N, C-alpha and C. Protein backbone atom coordinates (compact mmCIF):
# COMPACT_ATOMS: atom_id res chain seq x y z
N MET A 1 36.47 4.69 -26.37
CA MET A 1 35.56 5.79 -26.16
C MET A 1 34.13 5.25 -26.13
N SER A 2 33.33 5.78 -25.22
CA SER A 2 31.95 5.31 -25.13
C SER A 2 31.04 6.20 -25.98
N ASP A 3 29.87 5.71 -26.27
CA ASP A 3 28.90 6.45 -27.07
C ASP A 3 27.95 7.27 -26.20
N LYS A 4 28.37 7.58 -24.98
CA LYS A 4 27.53 8.34 -24.07
C LYS A 4 27.47 9.80 -24.52
N ILE A 5 26.25 10.35 -24.64
CA ILE A 5 26.06 11.74 -25.06
C ILE A 5 26.37 12.64 -23.88
N VAL A 6 27.23 13.59 -24.09
CA VAL A 6 27.61 14.53 -23.04
C VAL A 6 26.68 15.75 -23.05
N TYR A 7 26.34 16.25 -24.22
CA TYR A 7 25.48 17.42 -24.33
C TYR A 7 24.65 17.30 -25.59
N SER A 8 23.37 17.65 -25.47
CA SER A 8 22.49 17.61 -26.63
C SER A 8 21.37 18.61 -26.44
N THR A 9 20.97 19.25 -27.50
CA THR A 9 19.84 20.17 -27.45
C THR A 9 18.54 19.46 -27.82
N GLU A 10 18.61 18.18 -28.14
CA GLU A 10 17.42 17.43 -28.55
C GLU A 10 16.61 16.92 -27.37
N THR A 11 17.24 16.59 -26.27
CA THR A 11 16.53 16.07 -25.11
C THR A 11 17.01 16.79 -23.86
N GLY A 12 16.31 16.54 -22.79
CA GLY A 12 16.70 17.14 -21.53
C GLY A 12 15.51 17.71 -20.79
N PRO A 13 15.75 18.27 -19.61
CA PRO A 13 14.64 18.77 -18.80
C PRO A 13 13.82 19.85 -19.50
N ALA A 14 14.45 20.68 -20.29
CA ALA A 14 13.72 21.75 -20.96
C ALA A 14 12.85 21.20 -22.09
N LYS A 15 13.25 20.09 -22.69
CA LYS A 15 12.51 19.53 -23.81
C LYS A 15 11.40 18.57 -23.38
N ASP A 16 11.70 17.68 -22.42
CA ASP A 16 10.70 16.69 -22.07
C ASP A 16 9.86 17.05 -20.85
N GLY A 17 10.16 18.15 -20.20
CA GLY A 17 9.34 18.63 -19.10
C GLY A 17 9.45 17.81 -17.83
N SER A 18 10.52 17.03 -17.69
CA SER A 18 10.61 16.15 -16.53
C SER A 18 10.99 16.90 -15.25
N LYS A 19 11.58 18.04 -15.34
CA LYS A 19 12.02 18.77 -14.15
C LYS A 19 11.40 20.15 -14.07
N LYS A 20 10.11 20.25 -14.31
CA LYS A 20 9.44 21.54 -14.23
C LYS A 20 9.29 21.95 -12.78
N VAL A 21 9.50 23.22 -12.52
CA VAL A 21 9.36 23.76 -11.18
C VAL A 21 8.05 24.51 -11.12
N SER A 22 7.24 24.18 -10.13
CA SER A 22 5.95 24.83 -9.98
C SER A 22 6.08 26.06 -9.10
N HIS A 23 5.56 27.18 -9.58
CA HIS A 23 5.59 28.41 -8.81
C HIS A 23 4.20 28.78 -8.30
N LYS A 24 3.25 27.85 -8.37
CA LYS A 24 1.89 28.13 -7.93
C LYS A 24 1.82 28.37 -6.43
N ASN A 25 2.58 27.61 -5.67
CA ASN A 25 2.51 27.71 -4.22
C ASN A 25 3.57 28.64 -3.64
N ALA A 26 4.17 29.46 -4.47
CA ALA A 26 5.18 30.38 -3.96
C ALA A 26 4.53 31.40 -3.04
N SER A 27 5.18 31.68 -1.93
CA SER A 27 4.60 32.61 -0.97
C SER A 27 4.75 34.04 -1.47
N ARG A 28 3.89 34.91 -0.99
CA ARG A 28 3.91 36.30 -1.39
C ARG A 28 4.69 37.13 -0.39
N SER A 29 5.89 36.73 -0.10
CA SER A 29 6.70 37.50 0.82
C SER A 29 8.08 37.68 0.24
N GLN A 30 8.81 38.56 0.84
CA GLN A 30 10.14 38.84 0.37
C GLN A 30 11.00 37.59 0.53
N PRO A 31 11.90 37.34 -0.42
CA PRO A 31 12.79 36.20 -0.25
C PRO A 31 13.55 36.33 1.06
N GLY A 32 13.58 35.26 1.83
CA GLY A 32 14.25 35.29 3.12
C GLY A 32 13.30 35.56 4.27
N MET A 33 12.11 36.04 3.98
CA MET A 33 11.12 36.29 5.03
C MET A 33 10.38 34.98 5.33
N LYS A 34 10.13 34.73 6.59
CA LYS A 34 9.41 33.53 7.00
C LYS A 34 7.92 33.72 6.73
N ASN A 35 7.26 32.63 6.38
CA ASN A 35 5.81 32.64 6.18
C ASN A 35 5.17 31.94 7.37
N ASP A 36 5.24 32.58 8.56
CA ASP A 36 4.82 31.95 9.80
C ASP A 36 3.61 32.62 10.44
N GLY A 37 2.89 33.45 9.70
CA GLY A 37 1.70 34.09 10.24
C GLY A 37 1.97 35.38 10.98
N ILE A 38 3.21 35.80 11.04
CA ILE A 38 3.56 37.05 11.70
C ILE A 38 3.78 38.11 10.62
N VAL A 39 3.12 39.26 10.79
CA VAL A 39 3.27 40.36 9.84
C VAL A 39 4.58 41.07 10.17
N ARG A 40 5.37 41.35 9.14
CA ARG A 40 6.64 42.04 9.34
C ARG A 40 6.62 43.38 8.62
N VAL A 41 7.07 44.41 9.33
CA VAL A 41 7.11 45.77 8.79
C VAL A 41 8.55 46.22 8.81
N GLN A 42 9.04 46.72 7.68
CA GLN A 42 10.41 47.20 7.64
C GLN A 42 10.54 48.43 6.76
N ARG A 43 11.57 49.20 7.03
CA ARG A 43 11.88 50.39 6.26
C ARG A 43 12.86 49.99 5.17
N GLU A 44 12.60 50.45 3.93
CA GLU A 44 13.47 50.14 2.80
C GLU A 44 13.74 51.40 2.00
N SER A 45 14.92 51.43 1.39
CA SER A 45 15.21 52.52 0.46
C SER A 45 16.01 52.04 -0.74
N LYS A 46 16.45 50.79 -0.74
CA LYS A 46 17.21 50.26 -1.87
C LYS A 46 16.33 50.11 -3.10
N GLY A 47 16.85 50.51 -4.23
CA GLY A 47 16.14 50.35 -5.48
C GLY A 47 14.97 51.29 -5.67
N ARG A 48 14.90 52.32 -4.87
CA ARG A 48 13.77 53.26 -4.94
C ARG A 48 14.24 54.69 -5.14
N GLY A 49 15.41 54.83 -5.72
CA GLY A 49 15.92 56.17 -6.02
C GLY A 49 16.23 56.97 -4.76
N GLY A 50 16.56 56.30 -3.67
CA GLY A 50 16.88 56.99 -2.44
C GLY A 50 15.67 57.34 -1.58
N LYS A 51 14.49 57.08 -2.09
CA LYS A 51 13.27 57.37 -1.33
C LYS A 51 13.03 56.26 -0.31
N THR A 52 12.60 56.63 0.88
CA THR A 52 12.34 55.67 1.94
C THR A 52 10.86 55.28 1.93
N VAL A 53 10.61 53.98 2.10
CA VAL A 53 9.25 53.48 2.19
C VAL A 53 9.15 52.50 3.35
N SER A 54 7.95 52.30 3.84
CA SER A 54 7.67 51.29 4.85
C SER A 54 6.94 50.16 4.15
N VAL A 55 7.47 48.94 4.28
CA VAL A 55 6.92 47.80 3.55
C VAL A 55 6.34 46.80 4.55
N ILE A 56 5.14 46.31 4.27
CA ILE A 56 4.44 45.36 5.14
C ILE A 56 4.35 44.02 4.42
N TYR A 57 5.03 42.99 4.99
CA TYR A 57 5.05 41.65 4.42
C TYR A 57 4.26 40.69 5.29
N GLY A 58 3.71 39.66 4.67
CA GLY A 58 3.13 38.54 5.40
C GLY A 58 1.71 38.72 5.88
N LEU A 59 0.97 39.67 5.32
CA LEU A 59 -0.43 39.81 5.72
C LEU A 59 -1.26 38.69 5.11
N PRO A 60 -1.98 37.93 5.94
CA PRO A 60 -2.75 36.80 5.41
C PRO A 60 -4.11 37.24 4.89
N LEU A 61 -4.11 38.19 3.96
CA LEU A 61 -5.36 38.73 3.41
C LEU A 61 -5.39 38.56 1.90
N LYS A 62 -6.59 38.53 1.36
CA LYS A 62 -6.76 38.50 -0.10
C LYS A 62 -6.66 39.92 -0.64
N GLU A 63 -6.60 40.06 -1.94
CA GLU A 63 -6.36 41.35 -2.59
C GLU A 63 -7.35 42.46 -2.20
N PRO A 64 -8.67 42.19 -2.14
CA PRO A 64 -9.58 43.28 -1.76
C PRO A 64 -9.35 43.78 -0.32
N GLU A 65 -9.09 42.84 0.60
CA GLU A 65 -8.84 43.24 1.98
C GLU A 65 -7.51 43.98 2.11
N LEU A 66 -6.51 43.55 1.31
CA LEU A 66 -5.22 44.25 1.31
C LEU A 66 -5.39 45.69 0.84
N SER A 67 -6.16 45.88 -0.22
CA SER A 67 -6.39 47.22 -0.75
C SER A 67 -7.12 48.10 0.27
N SER A 68 -8.08 47.51 0.98
CA SER A 68 -8.81 48.25 1.99
C SER A 68 -7.89 48.65 3.15
N LEU A 69 -7.06 47.72 3.62
CA LEU A 69 -6.12 48.03 4.70
C LEU A 69 -5.08 49.05 4.23
N ALA A 70 -4.64 48.94 2.99
CA ALA A 70 -3.67 49.91 2.46
C ALA A 70 -4.28 51.30 2.43
N ALA A 71 -5.54 51.41 2.05
CA ALA A 71 -6.20 52.71 2.03
C ALA A 71 -6.28 53.30 3.43
N LYS A 72 -6.59 52.46 4.40
CA LYS A 72 -6.66 52.92 5.79
C LYS A 72 -5.28 53.38 6.28
N LEU A 73 -4.24 52.61 5.95
CA LEU A 73 -2.87 52.98 6.36
C LEU A 73 -2.44 54.28 5.71
N LYS A 74 -2.73 54.43 4.43
CA LYS A 74 -2.35 55.66 3.73
C LYS A 74 -3.04 56.87 4.33
N GLN A 75 -4.31 56.71 4.68
CA GLN A 75 -5.07 57.82 5.26
C GLN A 75 -4.54 58.19 6.64
N ARG A 76 -4.31 57.18 7.49
CA ARG A 76 -3.83 57.45 8.84
C ARG A 76 -2.40 57.98 8.87
N CYS A 77 -1.57 57.56 7.89
CA CYS A 77 -0.19 58.04 7.83
C CYS A 77 -0.07 59.37 7.09
N GLY A 78 -1.09 59.70 6.31
CA GLY A 78 -1.06 60.94 5.54
C GLY A 78 -0.10 60.91 4.38
N THR A 79 0.10 59.72 3.80
CA THR A 79 1.02 59.57 2.67
C THR A 79 0.40 58.70 1.60
N GLY A 80 1.13 58.50 0.54
CA GLY A 80 0.69 57.62 -0.53
C GLY A 80 1.20 56.22 -0.30
N GLY A 81 0.86 55.34 -1.21
CA GLY A 81 1.31 53.97 -1.10
C GLY A 81 0.71 53.12 -2.18
N ALA A 82 0.96 51.82 -2.11
CA ALA A 82 0.47 50.90 -3.12
C ALA A 82 0.44 49.49 -2.57
N VAL A 83 -0.27 48.61 -3.29
CA VAL A 83 -0.27 47.18 -3.01
C VAL A 83 0.32 46.51 -4.23
N LYS A 84 1.43 45.78 -4.04
CA LYS A 84 2.08 45.08 -5.16
C LYS A 84 2.46 43.68 -4.71
N ASP A 85 2.01 42.68 -5.44
CA ASP A 85 2.35 41.28 -5.19
C ASP A 85 2.08 40.86 -3.75
N GLY A 86 0.98 41.28 -3.18
CA GLY A 86 0.62 40.88 -1.83
C GLY A 86 1.37 41.61 -0.74
N VAL A 87 2.06 42.69 -1.08
CA VAL A 87 2.84 43.48 -0.13
C VAL A 87 2.33 44.90 -0.16
N ILE A 88 2.15 45.51 1.01
CA ILE A 88 1.72 46.91 1.08
C ILE A 88 2.95 47.79 1.22
N ILE A 89 3.02 48.83 0.41
CA ILE A 89 4.13 49.78 0.44
C ILE A 89 3.56 51.15 0.80
N ILE A 90 4.07 51.73 1.88
CA ILE A 90 3.65 53.06 2.33
C ILE A 90 4.83 54.01 2.19
N GLN A 91 4.61 55.15 1.57
CA GLN A 91 5.70 56.10 1.36
C GLN A 91 6.16 56.72 2.68
N GLY A 92 7.46 56.84 2.83
CA GLY A 92 8.04 57.47 4.02
C GLY A 92 8.36 56.48 5.12
N ASP A 93 9.08 56.96 6.13
CA ASP A 93 9.47 56.13 7.27
C ASP A 93 8.34 56.19 8.31
N LYS A 94 7.33 55.37 8.12
CA LYS A 94 6.14 55.36 8.97
C LYS A 94 6.00 54.01 9.69
N VAL A 95 7.11 53.35 9.97
CA VAL A 95 7.07 52.00 10.52
C VAL A 95 6.34 51.96 11.86
N ASP A 96 6.64 52.87 12.76
CA ASP A 96 6.00 52.86 14.08
C ASP A 96 4.50 53.07 13.98
N THR A 97 4.07 53.99 13.15
CA THR A 97 2.64 54.24 12.95
C THR A 97 1.96 53.02 12.35
N VAL A 98 2.59 52.41 11.36
CA VAL A 98 2.02 51.24 10.70
C VAL A 98 1.89 50.09 11.68
N ILE A 99 2.89 49.89 12.52
CA ILE A 99 2.84 48.80 13.51
C ILE A 99 1.68 49.01 14.46
N LYS A 100 1.46 50.24 14.92
CA LYS A 100 0.34 50.52 15.83
C LYS A 100 -1.00 50.21 15.16
N ILE A 101 -1.15 50.64 13.93
CA ILE A 101 -2.42 50.44 13.21
C ILE A 101 -2.69 48.96 12.97
N ILE A 102 -1.68 48.23 12.50
CA ILE A 102 -1.87 46.81 12.18
C ILE A 102 -2.09 46.00 13.45
N THR A 103 -1.41 46.35 14.53
CA THR A 103 -1.64 45.67 15.81
C THR A 103 -3.08 45.90 16.27
N GLY A 104 -3.59 47.11 16.06
CA GLY A 104 -4.98 47.42 16.39
C GLY A 104 -5.97 46.63 15.57
N GLU A 105 -5.56 46.18 14.39
CA GLU A 105 -6.43 45.37 13.53
C GLU A 105 -6.45 43.91 13.99
N GLY A 106 -5.60 43.55 14.95
CA GLY A 106 -5.61 42.19 15.48
C GLY A 106 -4.54 41.26 14.94
N PHE A 107 -3.55 41.78 14.25
CA PHE A 107 -2.48 40.96 13.72
C PHE A 107 -1.29 40.98 14.66
N LYS A 108 -0.51 39.90 14.64
CA LYS A 108 0.74 39.85 15.39
C LYS A 108 1.82 40.45 14.49
N VAL A 109 2.49 41.51 14.97
CA VAL A 109 3.40 42.29 14.13
C VAL A 109 4.79 42.31 14.74
N LYS A 110 5.80 42.23 13.86
CA LYS A 110 7.19 42.39 14.26
C LYS A 110 7.84 43.44 13.37
N ARG A 111 8.78 44.17 13.94
CA ARG A 111 9.58 45.11 13.16
C ARG A 111 10.74 44.32 12.58
N ALA A 112 10.90 44.37 11.27
CA ALA A 112 11.95 43.63 10.61
C ALA A 112 13.05 44.58 10.14
N GLY A 113 14.18 44.04 9.82
CA GLY A 113 15.28 44.86 9.32
C GLY A 113 16.01 45.58 10.44
N GLY A 114 16.92 46.46 10.04
CA GLY A 114 17.77 47.15 11.01
C GLY A 114 17.18 48.31 11.58
């Protein structure tokens, strides 16, 4: 039998910090969404109590500009919404309206999802 340690709580990646994963450069988009400079708009209802929302991913804007654009979208759509984690959420199925507005702002937009 060898003296090789199979398992120990004394050493390892969690203790010595040799395998830390950095989340600083994580993109602010939905998992699976490409970060290629194209804004994607999709309709979602999962995890929202059956309520439908239009979600805008991939906007290359900082938080103040995102809030300003969200306010404009909410006003033009006549609904509520929010900015969370770099993503704009507009209440209701307003995907077509949102695409028109964002295209008018000069962004390249694609409709995502089904």
